[in-house]
Amino acid sequence: MVNLAILEGLEKQAEIFFQKGEYPQALDRMQKMQEISQDRLSAPYYQNLAQCYSRVFQAKQAVDAYRKFLTRSGSNSVEHLRQLS
């Protein structure tokens, strides 16, 4: 069973680090979220994960996360793609 309190804490930490421009630390928290949740996270999580990967110049991982975002959001619209850039 996934501990939601732990996931929420990691999410808040990731958000704070991201806002401060501390992308490696944000990415670390997001990767821990993925491990704990056994990859059962929502589309917005993958959008944020992709942005973290982009900020630390990990293009392949960013593209993979963007693909998961689009798959889980059920959209492949141009508008969603614009939001990602």
Protein backbone atom coordinates (compact mmCIF):
# COMPACT_ATOMS: atom_id res chain seq x y z
CA MET A 1 0.00 0.00 0.00
CA VAL A 2 1.27 3.45 -0.93
CA ASN A 3 1.76 5.87 1.95
CA LEU A 4 0.06 9.05 0.74
CA ALA A 5 1.57 11.21 3.50
CA ILE A 6 5.08 10.32 2.33
CA LEU A 7 4.16 11.03 -1.30
CA GLU A 8 2.63 14.38 -0.37
CA GLY A 9 5.71 15.33 1.64
CA LEU A 10 8.02 14.44 -1.24
CA GLU A 11 5.80 16.35 -3.65
CA LYS A 12 5.95 19.48 -1.50
CA GLN A 13 9.72 19.19 -1.19
CA ALA A 14 10.09 18.73 -4.95
CA GLU A 15 7.94 21.78 -5.61
CA ILE A 16 9.98 23.94 -3.24
CA PHE A 17 13.28 22.81 -4.76
CA PHE A 18 11.94 23.37 -8.28
CA GLN A 19 10.77 26.89 -7.45
CA LYS A 20 14.19 27.68 -5.98
CA GLY A 21 15.92 26.42 -9.14
CA GLU A 22 17.44 23.46 -7.31
CA TYR A 23 16.51 21.01 -10.03
CA PRO A 24 18.71 18.03 -9.07
CA GLN A 25 17.16 18.02 -5.59
CA ALA A 26 13.65 18.34 -7.05
CA LEU A 27 14.39 15.49 -9.43
CA ASP A 28 15.63 13.33 -6.56
CA ARG A 29 12.35 13.81 -4.68
CA MET A 30 10.30 13.11 -7.80
CA GLN A 31 12.22 9.92 -8.52
CA LYS A 32 11.56 8.78 -4.95
CA MET A 33 7.86 9.47 -5.49
CA GLN A 34 7.94 7.29 -8.58
CA GLU A 35 9.64 4.44 -6.70
CA ILE A 36 7.21 4.57 -3.78
CA SER A 37 4.11 4.79 -5.96
CA GLN A 38 5.29 1.97 -8.21
CA ASP A 39 4.85 4.25 -11.24
CA ARG A 40 1.13 4.91 -10.59
CA LEU A 41 1.24 8.68 -10.73
CA SER A 42 -0.96 11.16 -12.55
CA ALA A 43 -0.33 13.03 -15.77
CA PRO A 44 0.67 16.32 -14.03
CA TYR A 45 3.41 14.45 -12.14
CA TYR A 46 4.97 13.38 -15.43
CA GLN A 47 4.72 16.88 -16.82
CA ASN A 48 6.62 18.18 -13.78
CA LEU A 49 9.11 15.33 -14.00
CA ALA A 50 9.77 16.15 -17.66
CA GLN A 51 10.38 19.78 -16.77
CA CYS A 52 12.90 18.74 -14.11
CA TYR A 53 14.73 16.50 -16.56
CA SER A 54 14.76 19.34 -19.08
CA ARG A 55 16.29 21.71 -16.56
CA VAL A 56 19.16 19.31 -15.85
CA PHE A 57 19.70 18.65 -19.58
CA GLN A 58 18.59 15.00 -19.55
CA ALA A 59 16.75 15.13 -22.85
CA LYS A 60 15.95 11.43 -23.28
CA GLN A 61 14.40 11.19 -19.82
CA ALA A 62 12.49 14.42 -20.42
CA VAL A 63 11.03 13.07 -23.67
CA ASP A 64 10.06 9.79 -21.97
CA ALA A 65 8.33 11.68 -19.15
CA TYR A 66 6.54 13.95 -21.65
CA ARG A 67 5.30 10.86 -23.48
CA LYS A 68 3.93 9.42 -20.23
CA PHE A 69 2.30 12.76 -19.52
CA LEU A 70 0.55 12.75 -22.91
CA THR A 71 -0.49 9.11 -22.56
CA ARG A 72 -1.88 9.54 -19.06
CA SER A 73 -3.59 12.83 -19.88
CA GLY A 74 -5.29 11.22 -22.85
CA SER A 75 -4.28 14.09 -25.08
CA ASN A 76 -1.87 14.64 -27.89
CA SER A 77 -3.14 18.07 -28.77
CA VAL A 78 -0.93 20.85 -30.00
CA GLU A 79 -2.04 22.96 -27.02
CA HIS A 80 -0.62 20.41 -24.58
CA LEU A 81 2.62 20.33 -26.50
CA ARG A 82 2.85 24.14 -26.34
CA GLN A 83 2.39 24.03 -22.56
CA LEU A 84 5.36 21.71 -22.27
CA SER A 85 7.84 24.12 -23.81
